[in-house]
Every structure is written in C-alpha cells, then in structure tokens.
Amino acid sequence: MFLFDPFFWEVVISGLLAGVMYALVALGFVLIFKASGIFNFAQGVLALFAALTLVGFQTGQIPFAHLLEALFGLHASHWGEGMNTVLALFLSLVVMIGLAWLIVKIVLRPLVNQEGIILFMATIGLAFVLEGVGDLMWGANVKRLDVGLPEGPSDFLLDNTGMFIEKLEISAAVVAIILVVTLMIFSQYTKMGRALRAVADDHQAALSVGISLETIWWVVWSISGLVALVAGVMWGAKSGVQFSLSLIALKALPVLMLGGFTSIPGAIIGGLMIGVGEKMFEFYIGPMIGGATENWFAYMLALLFLLFRPQGLFGEKIIERV
C-alpha cells in the first residue's frame, strides 16, 4: 500500500516544502494586487535584487565597481571583508524599503487612475530596469549565499523514516510559515492592516475617510520588498544567486490562478497544491511520458482552473450585467 511507503511520503513532504516556497513568492503578488490593483510583474526581480544586495553587503563588494572603474579608474572592487549576516539582512531590508519609496514616487504616482494594463506594462519596464541596475551594481556572476541555514539531509528523518529531506528546505518552509502568519496577523489585527484592507475593498471610500493612498502603496510595496528579500534569501541559499532567480515569478503565476489574485490563504493553498501536485506527477507519471513534467505541470493545472473556475479557489467571482 503506497500510504505506508516512505518514498511516497518523501515525495509529499518535498512537494509541501516546495509549495510553501512558491506561496511565499505568490504572496508578494497578492499583497500589491489587493492594495493597488496592480499585477506586479517585477516581483521576481525584486527577489533577485534583494538577494544580490544581501550578498554584496556580506562580501563587502563596492556597488557599481565596474562602472566606477570605467568612469574614474577606480580599481577597488571591495571595501573590506564585509559584514555579518544580521547587519547585512537589516541593511538589505532598508534598501528594499527605500526602493519601494522610489517606485511609488517615480513610477506609480504619475500613473494614478490609469488603466490596469498601463500599470502592468510599467511593472514590466520596472523589472527590466531593476535587472539592469542589479547587474551594474553587483555583477552578473553566480554568487553563493550563506545565511547560516543548515544544509544536507535531515539525519533524524533519514535514520527514523528513511526519507531524504533537505534541512535547508525544512528551514525555508519554517521561515516562510512564520512570515505568512505574521502578515496575516498584521492584516487582520493592526490599524495599518485594516487600512490596507479598506483600500483593497474600495479606493474612493478609503480616500474619503482620510486614508492616504500613496502611504498605503508605500507600505504595501515595502512589505512586498520584505517578502521578496525572504524569498530571495531562501531560493538563493538553495540554488545560488543568479539572474535566473527572477524567473521564480513565473512559477508563482499558476499559484495565483489556483488560489485567486486577492487571497492570502489562496496563495498558501495554491502553493501547496502546485508543490505536491508537480512532485507527485513527476515521480509517478513523468517516467511514463518522458519526464521533465515539473516544467509544465503547474501551467497545465492552472489552465484547467482558468477554463472551469477562472477566479481561483478563493478569488472573488465577478458578475457583469450585459
């Protein structure tokens, strides 16, 4: 019976851990979409930029070193041995908050009341700009990210159950769960969280009672920057900080289609469904059809949802009179 097969549970647990990581990325999309109605295509690049910045601080790399050398003949590439992980994480968060402020002031503020497609195109442009700036600041080479998370298989699970589960994946899942729970508590029980939900429900009504839309946008983009930093750290620690890291945003799209673009619980459930589904499909069906199904299974499942339940599991159904 497969329910008593350790390999079956190893696949399920690996899928759940991967699903939490997908949900973490999708959460950044949900937060911004709920508060501003903007689908932020740049969320994956924000994760990349945050990870690059963290590694730069850890290693003591001088930002724009190659550009400074070309313009002014400065040959130094590092200012020292770098800083400890805690300080580097804090400064990286400060950078992401500052970046959120710049995005609101320079990109979003001039586009208030514009069509959604215009805002969406603006985030596409923002993604390419941030990717280019990240390249100029920190270089395009693959970087190792070490934040002190344990690596290797879990000896406890391996010795007692025979399951091969990476410690890094377990740690990443725990951190992601803590962040998600914290954001849900913030959204439900704080004054700013209630203001965010008010803006999400009705922009005009929120403005009429004195809620500053620009402040709300800055707060939600800052929170999204925090989510991007955590996602960048976890994915960067797992596979190295490289520019393909920005493509994790594409893996979050099926999660959003399953869970709904406006639901935090939907992002979590959708991520878990995608994570478990693709692992199970890859291990049990993949060998029969040539393998490599993890590259497309999530999108196939999302397509089915678009056909039969386009608003997702927890999204709001829109009814229009014609």
Protein backbone atom coordinates (compact mmCIF):
# COMPACT_ATOMS: atom_id res chain seq x y z
CA MET A 1 0.00 0.00 0.00
CA PHE A 2 1.54 3.29 -1.11
CA LEU A 3 0.33 5.08 2.05
CA PHE A 4 2.86 3.03 4.01
CA ASP A 5 5.65 3.62 1.51
CA PRO A 6 8.32 6.03 2.90
CA PHE A 7 9.11 7.14 -0.65
CA PHE A 8 5.52 8.30 -1.13
CA TRP A 9 5.66 10.47 1.97
CA GLU A 10 9.10 11.75 0.97
CA VAL A 11 7.57 12.98 -2.30
CA VAL A 12 4.60 14.53 -0.50
CA ILE A 13 6.73 16.32 2.09
CA SER A 14 9.15 17.58 -0.60
CA GLY A 15 6.15 18.89 -2.51
CA LEU A 16 4.72 20.64 0.55
CA LEU A 17 8.08 22.28 1.30
CA ALA A 18 8.42 23.43 -2.32
CA GLY A 19 4.81 24.63 -2.23
CA VAL A 20 5.49 26.87 0.76
CA MET A 21 8.31 28.49 -1.23
CA TYR A 22 6.01 29.04 -4.21
CA ALA A 23 3.39 30.52 -1.88
CA LEU A 24 5.97 32.91 -0.47
CA VAL A 25 6.66 34.33 -3.92
CA ALA A 26 2.95 34.47 -4.77
CA LEU A 27 2.29 36.37 -1.55
CA GLY A 28 4.17 39.38 -2.88
CA PHE A 29 1.87 39.49 -5.91
CA VAL A 30 -1.26 39.18 -3.74
CA LEU A 31 -0.29 41.98 -1.35
CA ILE A 32 0.28 44.52 -4.10
CA PHE A 33 -2.71 43.44 -6.18
CA LYS A 34 -5.05 43.68 -3.17
CA ALA A 35 -3.92 47.19 -2.20
CA SER A 36 -3.48 48.80 -5.61
CA GLY A 37 -4.99 46.56 -8.27
CA ILE A 38 -1.56 46.28 -9.90
CA PHE A 39 -0.20 42.95 -11.08
CA ASN A 40 3.47 43.42 -10.19
CA PHE A 41 5.44 41.61 -12.87
CA ALA A 42 8.64 42.82 -11.17
CA GLN A 43 8.16 40.74 -8.01
CA GLY A 44 10.63 38.07 -9.14
CA VAL A 45 13.23 40.70 -9.99
CA LEU A 46 12.68 42.29 -6.58
CA ALA A 47 13.64 38.93 -5.02
CA LEU A 48 16.75 38.80 -7.23
CA PHE A 49 17.70 42.41 -6.41
CA ALA A 50 17.27 41.78 -2.68
CA ALA A 51 19.45 38.66 -2.80
CA LEU A 52 22.15 40.44 -4.82
CA THR A 53 22.17 43.31 -2.35
CA LEU A 54 22.45 40.95 0.61
CA VAL A 55 25.42 39.09 -0.91
CA GLY A 56 27.03 42.43 -1.78
CA PHE A 57 26.82 43.59 1.84
CA GLN A 58 28.01 40.21 3.17
CA THR A 59 31.08 40.15 0.95
CA GLY A 60 31.93 43.86 1.19
CA GLN A 61 31.53 44.44 -2.53
CA ILE A 62 31.52 48.05 -3.75
CA PRO A 63 28.31 48.81 -5.72
CA PHE A 64 28.87 49.81 -9.36
CA ALA A 65 32.56 48.81 -9.07
CA HIS A 66 32.91 48.09 -12.82
CA LEU A 67 31.19 51.34 -13.73
CA LEU A 68 33.37 53.35 -11.33
CA GLU A 69 36.46 51.72 -12.81
CA ALA A 70 35.40 52.60 -16.36
CA LEU A 71 34.48 56.20 -15.49
CA PHE A 72 37.05 57.18 -12.86
CA GLY A 73 39.72 54.46 -13.00
CA LEU A 74 38.84 53.14 -9.53
CA HIS A 75 40.27 49.61 -9.36
CA ALA A 76 38.99 48.59 -5.92
CA SER A 77 36.11 46.11 -6.01
CA HIS A 78 35.67 45.56 -2.24
CA TRP A 79 35.71 47.95 0.70
CA GLY A 80 36.61 45.24 3.20
CA GLU A 81 35.75 41.75 4.32
CA GLY A 82 32.05 42.54 4.52
CA MET A 83 29.62 42.46 7.42
CA ASN A 84 27.83 39.86 9.50
CA THR A 85 24.61 38.32 8.23
CA VAL A 86 22.25 40.07 10.67
CA LEU A 87 23.50 43.55 9.79
CA ALA A 88 23.54 42.69 6.09
CA LEU A 89 19.91 41.49 6.29
CA PHE A 90 18.87 44.69 8.09
CA LEU A 91 20.59 46.96 5.57
CA SER A 92 19.15 44.95 2.68
CA LEU A 93 15.66 45.48 4.14
CA VAL A 94 16.38 49.22 4.41
CA VAL A 95 17.39 49.22 0.74
CA MET A 96 14.17 47.43 -0.25
CA ILE A 97 12.06 49.92 1.74
CA GLY A 98 13.89 52.79 0.07
CA LEU A 99 13.38 51.14 -3.30
CA ALA A 100 9.64 50.85 -2.54
CA TRP A 101 9.52 54.59 -1.84
CA LEU A 102 11.26 55.35 -5.16
CA ILE A 103 8.89 53.06 -7.07
CA VAL A 104 5.83 54.77 -5.60
CA LYS A 105 7.18 58.27 -6.21
CA ILE A 106 8.70 57.78 -9.67
CA VAL A 107 6.64 55.01 -11.26
CA LEU A 108 3.22 54.77 -9.62
CA ARG A 109 2.38 58.31 -8.58
CA PRO A 110 2.38 59.69 -12.16
CA LEU A 111 0.15 56.79 -13.24
CA VAL A 112 -2.66 57.23 -10.70
CA ASN A 113 -6.10 56.49 -12.23
CA GLN A 114 -4.57 54.97 -15.36
CA GLU A 115 -5.84 51.71 -16.86
CA GLY A 116 -4.64 48.47 -15.29
CA ILE A 117 -2.83 47.43 -18.47
CA ILE A 118 -0.73 50.62 -18.31
CA LEU A 119 0.29 49.89 -14.73
CA PHE A 120 1.06 46.30 -15.68
CA MET A 121 3.32 47.46 -18.53
CA ALA A 122 5.00 49.85 -16.11
CA THR A 123 5.92 46.93 -13.83
CA ILE A 124 7.33 45.04 -16.83
CA GLY A 125 9.55 48.03 -17.57
CA LEU A 126 10.44 48.23 -13.88
CA ALA A 127 11.51 44.57 -13.93
CA PHE A 128 13.98 45.15 -16.77
CA VAL A 129 15.31 48.36 -15.17
CA LEU A 130 15.89 46.65 -11.82
CA GLU A 131 17.56 43.69 -13.52
CA GLY A 132 19.91 46.05 -15.36
CA VAL A 133 20.66 48.10 -12.24
CA GLY A 134 21.33 44.91 -10.29
CA ASP A 135 23.79 43.80 -12.96
CA LEU A 136 25.59 47.16 -12.88
CA MET A 137 25.68 47.27 -9.08
CA TRP A 138 26.76 43.75 -8.21
CA GLY A 139 27.80 41.97 -11.44
CA ALA A 140 26.21 39.07 -13.31
CA ASN A 141 28.30 36.19 -11.95
CA VAL A 142 26.64 33.47 -9.88
CA LYS A 143 27.05 34.16 -6.16
CA ARG A 144 26.91 31.82 -3.18
CA LEU A 145 24.54 32.95 -0.45
CA ASP A 146 25.13 31.68 3.09
CA VAL A 147 22.89 32.96 5.88
CA GLY A 148 23.70 30.18 8.33
CA LEU A 149 20.83 27.85 7.44
CA PRO A 150 21.61 24.13 7.97
CA GLU A 151 22.41 22.09 4.87
CA GLY A 152 22.36 18.44 3.93
CA PRO A 153 19.72 15.78 4.63
CA SER A 154 17.87 15.63 7.93
CA ASP A 155 19.61 12.87 9.88
CA PHE A 156 16.59 12.41 12.15
CA LEU A 157 14.17 11.77 9.26
CA LEU A 158 16.72 9.69 7.36
CA ASP A 159 17.52 7.42 10.33
CA ASN A 160 13.96 7.02 11.63
CA THR A 161 11.84 7.04 8.48
CA GLY A 162 14.23 6.52 5.57
CA MET A 163 13.06 9.78 3.98
CA PHE A 164 15.67 12.04 2.34
CA ILE A 165 14.54 15.59 3.19
CA GLU A 166 16.92 18.57 2.96
CA LYS A 167 17.42 20.60 6.14
CA LEU A 168 17.53 23.77 4.03
CA GLU A 169 14.06 23.10 2.63
CA ILE A 170 12.68 22.50 6.12
CA SER A 171 14.26 25.71 7.43
CA ALA A 172 12.98 27.70 4.46
CA ALA A 173 9.47 26.35 4.98
CA VAL A 174 9.53 27.26 8.68
CA VAL A 175 10.68 30.82 7.93
CA ALA A 176 8.06 31.17 5.18
CA ILE A 177 5.29 29.93 7.50
CA ILE A 178 6.32 32.39 10.24
CA LEU A 179 6.31 35.25 7.72
CA VAL A 180 2.91 34.30 6.29
CA VAL A 181 1.32 34.00 9.76
CA THR A 182 2.84 37.35 10.79
CA LEU A 183 1.45 39.06 7.68
CA MET A 184 -2.00 37.56 8.26
CA ILE A 185 -1.99 38.83 11.86
CA PHE A 186 -0.79 42.24 10.66
CA SER A 187 -3.55 42.38 8.07
CA GLN A 188 -6.33 41.39 10.48
CA TYR A 189 -5.44 42.99 13.81
CA THR A 190 -3.46 46.21 13.20
CA LYS A 191 -4.66 49.67 12.24
CA MET A 192 -2.43 49.75 9.16
CA GLY A 193 -3.60 46.29 8.18
CA ARG A 194 -7.23 47.41 8.35
CA ALA A 195 -6.33 50.44 6.24
CA LEU A 196 -4.75 48.14 3.65
CA ARG A 197 -7.93 46.07 3.51
CA ALA A 198 -10.05 49.20 3.24
CA VAL A 199 -8.03 50.39 0.25
CA ALA A 200 -8.31 46.94 -1.28
CA ASP A 201 -12.11 46.97 -0.91
CA ASP A 202 -12.74 50.50 -2.23
CA HIS A 203 -10.09 53.10 -3.09
CA GLN A 204 -12.50 56.02 -3.22
CA ALA A 205 -14.18 55.16 0.07
CA ALA A 206 -10.78 54.81 1.76
CA LEU A 207 -9.71 58.22 0.44
CA SER A 208 -12.96 59.79 1.69
CA VAL A 209 -12.19 58.79 5.30
CA GLY A 210 -8.67 60.21 5.19
CA ILE A 211 -6.55 57.17 4.27
CA SER A 212 -3.57 58.26 2.18
CA LEU A 213 -3.41 56.11 -0.92
CA GLU A 214 0.25 56.98 -1.53
CA THR A 215 1.21 55.99 2.03
CA ILE A 216 -0.66 52.71 1.69
CA TRP A 217 1.11 51.98 -1.59
CA TRP A 218 4.49 52.69 0.01
CA VAL A 219 3.70 50.42 2.97
CA VAL A 220 2.45 47.55 0.82
CA TRP A 221 5.41 47.79 -1.59
CA SER A 222 7.74 47.83 1.43
CA ILE A 223 6.07 44.69 2.78
CA SER A 224 6.35 43.17 -0.67
CA GLY A 225 10.05 44.09 -0.60
CA LEU A 226 10.38 42.21 2.71
CA VAL A 227 8.67 39.19 1.16
CA ALA A 228 10.99 39.47 -1.85
CA LEU A 229 14.01 39.59 0.46
CA VAL A 230 12.94 36.44 2.30
CA ALA A 231 12.13 34.67 -0.98
CA GLY A 232 15.44 35.76 -2.50
CA VAL A 233 17.36 34.54 0.55
CA MET A 234 15.65 31.14 0.57
CA TRP A 235 15.89 30.49 -3.15
CA GLY A 236 19.39 31.99 -3.32
CA ALA A 237 20.62 29.78 -0.48
CA LYS A 238 19.17 26.78 -2.27
CA SER A 239 20.41 27.34 -5.83
CA GLY A 240 22.80 30.30 -5.70
CA VAL A 241 22.10 33.94 -6.51
CA GLN A 242 21.90 34.16 -10.28
CA PHE A 243 19.77 36.12 -12.70
CA SER A 244 17.56 33.13 -13.45
CA LEU A 245 16.28 33.69 -9.90
CA SER A 246 13.97 36.36 -11.32
CA LEU A 247 12.06 33.61 -13.16
CA ILE A 248 10.59 32.32 -9.89
CA ALA A 249 7.86 34.90 -10.51
CA LEU A 250 6.67 32.78 -13.44
CA LYS A 251 6.28 29.77 -11.10
CA ALA A 252 4.06 31.89 -8.88
CA LEU A 253 1.56 32.57 -11.67
CA PRO A 254 -0.11 29.13 -11.52
CA VAL A 255 -0.29 29.51 -7.74
CA LEU A 256 -2.19 32.77 -8.15
CA MET A 257 -4.52 31.24 -10.73
CA LEU A 258 -5.38 28.40 -8.35
CA GLY A 259 -5.71 30.43 -5.18
CA GLY A 260 -7.02 33.73 -6.54
CA PHE A 261 -5.21 37.03 -7.01
CA THR A 262 -6.70 38.67 -3.90
CA SER A 263 -6.47 35.94 -1.27
CA ILE A 264 -3.56 35.37 1.13
CA PRO A 265 -4.93 31.95 2.20
CA GLY A 266 -5.44 31.23 -1.50
CA ALA A 267 -1.75 31.87 -2.18
CA ILE A 268 -0.85 29.39 0.54
CA ILE A 269 -3.27 26.67 -0.55
CA GLY A 270 -2.42 27.21 -4.22
CA GLY A 271 1.29 26.93 -3.50
CA LEU A 272 0.85 23.69 -1.58
CA MET A 273 -1.34 22.22 -4.34
CA ILE A 274 1.19 23.11 -7.02
CA GLY A 275 4.15 21.85 -4.96
CA VAL A 276 2.62 18.48 -4.10
CA GLY A 277 0.94 18.07 -7.49
CA GLU A 278 4.08 18.60 -9.56
CA LYS A 279 6.19 16.32 -7.36
CA MET A 280 3.62 13.51 -7.44
CA PHE A 281 3.11 13.89 -11.18
CA GLU A 282 6.85 13.94 -11.87
CA PHE A 283 7.64 10.84 -9.81
CA TYR A 284 4.66 8.67 -10.71
CA ILE A 285 3.54 9.82 -14.18
CA GLY A 286 6.67 11.53 -15.50
CA PRO A 287 8.65 8.34 -16.26
CA MET A 288 5.78 7.09 -18.44
CA ILE A 289 5.80 10.19 -20.66
CA GLY A 290 9.48 11.07 -20.80
CA GLY A 291 9.95 13.06 -17.58
CA ALA A 292 10.62 16.80 -17.09
CA THR A 293 6.96 17.34 -16.20
CA GLU A 294 7.77 19.81 -13.39
CA ASN A 295 8.41 22.43 -16.09
CA TRP A 296 4.82 22.41 -17.34
CA PHE A 297 2.54 20.59 -14.88
CA ALA A 298 1.73 23.73 -12.88
CA TYR A 299 0.71 25.63 -16.01
CA MET A 300 -1.45 22.75 -17.23
CA LEU A 301 -3.27 22.69 -13.87
CA ALA A 302 -3.65 26.48 -13.97
CA LEU A 303 -5.14 26.25 -17.48
CA LEU A 304 -7.77 23.82 -16.21
CA PHE A 305 -8.68 26.25 -13.46
CA LEU A 306 -8.92 29.11 -15.95
CA LEU A 307 -11.37 27.05 -18.01
CA PHE A 308 -13.65 25.96 -15.16
CA ARG A 309 -13.03 28.40 -12.28
CA PRO A 310 -11.19 31.48 -13.59
CA GLN A 311 -11.42 33.37 -10.26
CA GLY A 312 -9.49 30.61 -8.48
CA LEU A 313 -10.43 28.77 -5.30
CA PHE A 314 -10.65 31.84 -3.07
CA GLY A 315 -10.93 34.68 -5.59
CA GLU A 316 -14.00 36.88 -5.88
CA LYS A 317 -16.37 35.94 -8.65
CA ILE A 318 -17.11 38.91 -10.87
CA ILE A 319 -20.60 39.17 -12.30
CA GLU A 320 -21.24 41.73 -15.00
CA ARG A 321 -24.63 42.69 -16.37
CA VAL A 322 -24.88 42.88 -20.14
